[in-house]
């Protein structure tokens, strides 16, 4: 199967209303110039289009930092949705009954700790994160 290459002229502007009610107009060039974190020169056309379509489908506002397009070196780009989006949506649902969150830390001796909060000391290595979310309708 041959891989098709997206050409800039074929990429229409994406216009949609974000969940905060703002009209968002995303163009290929706006994303490439202003919305890539990391190495914008390495992001490819398909990654930009995927980001634009994610924003449109999920009604995310990249100018409010709801979502990030992150690119480092030749690795595939990462599309990261802000935790604030999930918090807003959970609160809006009326079913949110709170949450706890923290980091996963590796100590010098190799032991792993699941720690509430985000405090990381100089001699510790951050290896992940965790969250527990509680709903009013689930035990």
Protein backbone atom coordinates (compact mmCIF):
# COMPACT_ATOMS: atom_id res chain seq x y z
CA UNK A 1 0.00 0.00 0.00
CA UNK A 2 1.43 3.36 -1.02
CA UNK A 3 1.57 6.12 1.59
CA UNK A 4 -0.07 9.32 0.43
CA UNK A 5 1.68 12.58 1.18
CA UNK A 6 -0.44 15.51 2.30
CA UNK A 7 0.30 18.68 0.37
CA UNK A 8 -0.09 22.09 2.07
CA UNK A 9 -2.48 23.34 -0.61
CA UNK A 10 -4.79 20.37 0.10
CA UNK A 11 -5.16 21.20 3.79
CA UNK A 12 -8.19 23.36 4.39
CA UNK A 13 -8.57 25.71 7.29
CA UNK A 14 -10.30 24.01 10.22
CA UNK A 15 -13.04 26.18 11.73
CA UNK A 16 -15.00 25.02 14.78
CA UNK A 17 -16.41 26.21 18.09
CA UNK A 18 -14.36 25.15 21.10
CA UNK A 19 -16.00 23.90 24.30
CA UNK A 20 -15.56 27.40 25.78
CA UNK A 21 -17.71 28.83 22.96
CA UNK A 22 -14.91 30.49 21.00
CA UNK A 23 -14.67 30.19 17.22
CA UNK A 24 -11.31 28.63 16.41
CA UNK A 25 -9.65 28.97 13.00
CA UNK A 26 -6.67 26.70 12.59
CA UNK A 27 -4.53 26.74 9.49
CA UNK A 28 -1.61 24.49 8.70
CA UNK A 29 0.82 27.42 8.89
CA UNK A 30 -0.56 28.70 12.22
CA UNK A 31 -0.01 25.29 13.78
CA UNK A 32 3.52 24.96 12.31
CA UNK A 33 4.57 28.51 13.28
CA UNK A 34 2.99 29.01 16.69
CA UNK A 35 1.61 25.82 18.21
CA UNK A 36 4.43 23.26 18.10
CA UNK A 37 6.43 22.68 21.27
CA UNK A 38 9.92 21.33 20.79
CA UNK A 39 11.40 21.17 17.29
CA UNK A 40 8.82 22.68 14.91
CA UNK A 41 11.13 22.16 11.92
CA UNK A 42 10.88 18.38 12.37
CA UNK A 43 7.08 18.07 12.60
CA UNK A 44 5.65 16.53 9.43
CA UNK A 45 2.49 17.39 7.52
CA UNK A 46 0.54 14.36 8.73
CA UNK A 47 1.25 15.23 12.37
CA UNK A 48 0.01 18.79 11.86
CA UNK A 49 -3.20 17.58 10.18
CA UNK A 50 -3.78 15.02 12.95
CA UNK A 51 -3.40 17.79 15.54
CA UNK A 52 -5.84 20.04 13.67
CA UNK A 53 -8.40 17.23 13.40
CA UNK A 54 -8.02 16.30 17.09
CA UNK A 55 -8.69 19.91 18.07
CA UNK A 56 -11.77 20.00 15.85
CA UNK A 57 -13.19 16.64 16.92
CA UNK A 58 -12.68 17.21 20.65
CA UNK A 59 -13.50 20.95 20.55
CA UNK A 60 -10.09 21.80 22.04
CA UNK A 61 -8.67 25.32 22.05
CA UNK A 62 -4.91 25.15 21.44
CA UNK A 63 -4.57 28.91 22.08
CA UNK A 64 -5.84 28.32 25.63
CA UNK A 65 -3.35 25.44 26.01
CA UNK A 66 -6.03 22.73 26.00
CA UNK A 67 -3.80 20.60 23.78
CA UNK A 68 -0.13 20.48 22.77
CA UNK A 69 1.70 19.24 19.67
CA UNK A 70 5.14 18.19 20.92
CA UNK A 71 7.97 17.12 18.63
CA UNK A 72 11.52 16.12 19.51
CA UNK A 73 14.00 14.91 16.90
CA UNK A 74 12.82 12.18 14.55
CA UNK A 75 10.44 10.58 17.06
CA UNK A 76 6.71 10.67 16.25
CA UNK A 77 5.00 13.80 17.53
CA UNK A 78 2.98 13.59 20.74
CA UNK A 79 -0.49 15.08 20.99
CA UNK A 80 -1.09 15.86 24.66
CA UNK A 81 -4.43 16.99 26.05
CA UNK A 82 -4.12 19.17 29.17
CA UNK A 83 -5.33 17.73 32.46
CA UNK A 84 -7.36 20.92 32.87
CA UNK A 85 -9.60 19.79 29.98
CA UNK A 86 -10.42 16.57 31.82
CA UNK A 87 -11.05 18.44 35.07
CA UNK A 88 -13.38 20.94 33.40
CA UNK A 89 -15.30 18.17 31.65
CA UNK A 90 -15.57 16.12 34.84
CA UNK A 91 -16.87 19.09 36.81
CA UNK A 92 -19.31 20.01 34.03
CA UNK A 93 -20.75 16.47 34.05
CA UNK A 94 -21.98 16.85 37.65
CA UNK A 95 -20.72 13.33 38.43
CA UNK A 96 -17.25 14.28 39.67
CA UNK A 97 -16.72 13.42 43.33
CA UNK A 98 -13.06 14.46 43.56
CA UNK A 99 -9.67 13.02 42.72
CA UNK A 100 -6.16 12.39 43.96
CA UNK A 101 -3.04 12.56 41.82
CA UNK A 102 0.70 12.30 42.08
CA UNK A 103 3.98 11.19 40.60
CA UNK A 104 5.91 7.94 40.38
CA UNK A 105 9.47 8.34 41.66
CA UNK A 106 12.49 6.03 41.34
CA UNK A 107 14.98 6.31 44.20
CA UNK A 108 18.77 5.82 43.99
CA UNK A 109 18.40 2.32 45.47
CA UNK A 110 16.01 1.32 42.65
CA UNK A 111 12.82 1.38 44.71
CA UNK A 112 9.67 2.93 43.25
CA UNK A 113 7.32 5.24 45.15
CA UNK A 114 3.81 6.40 44.21
CA UNK A 115 3.73 9.85 45.80
CA UNK A 116 0.77 12.20 46.13
CA UNK A 117 1.54 15.66 44.75
CA UNK A 118 4.45 16.74 42.56
CA UNK A 119 7.44 17.25 44.85
CA UNK A 120 10.57 15.76 43.27
CA UNK A 121 13.93 15.92 45.04
CA UNK A 122 17.30 16.30 43.30
CA UNK A 123 18.37 12.67 43.91
CA UNK A 124 15.08 11.20 42.58
CA UNK A 125 14.05 10.29 39.05
CA UNK A 126 10.55 11.02 37.75
CA UNK A 127 9.26 7.93 35.92
CA UNK A 128 5.52 8.56 35.68
CA UNK A 129 2.32 9.91 37.11
CA UNK A 130 -0.93 8.54 38.49
CA UNK A 131 -4.47 9.65 39.24
CA UNK A 132 -7.54 8.30 41.01
CA UNK A 133 -10.83 9.86 39.94
CA UNK A 134 -14.02 9.41 41.94
CA UNK A 135 -17.55 9.56 40.52
CA UNK A 136 -20.76 10.04 42.44
CA UNK A 137 -22.45 7.16 40.59
CA UNK A 138 -19.63 4.57 41.03
CA UNK A 139 -18.27 2.86 44.11
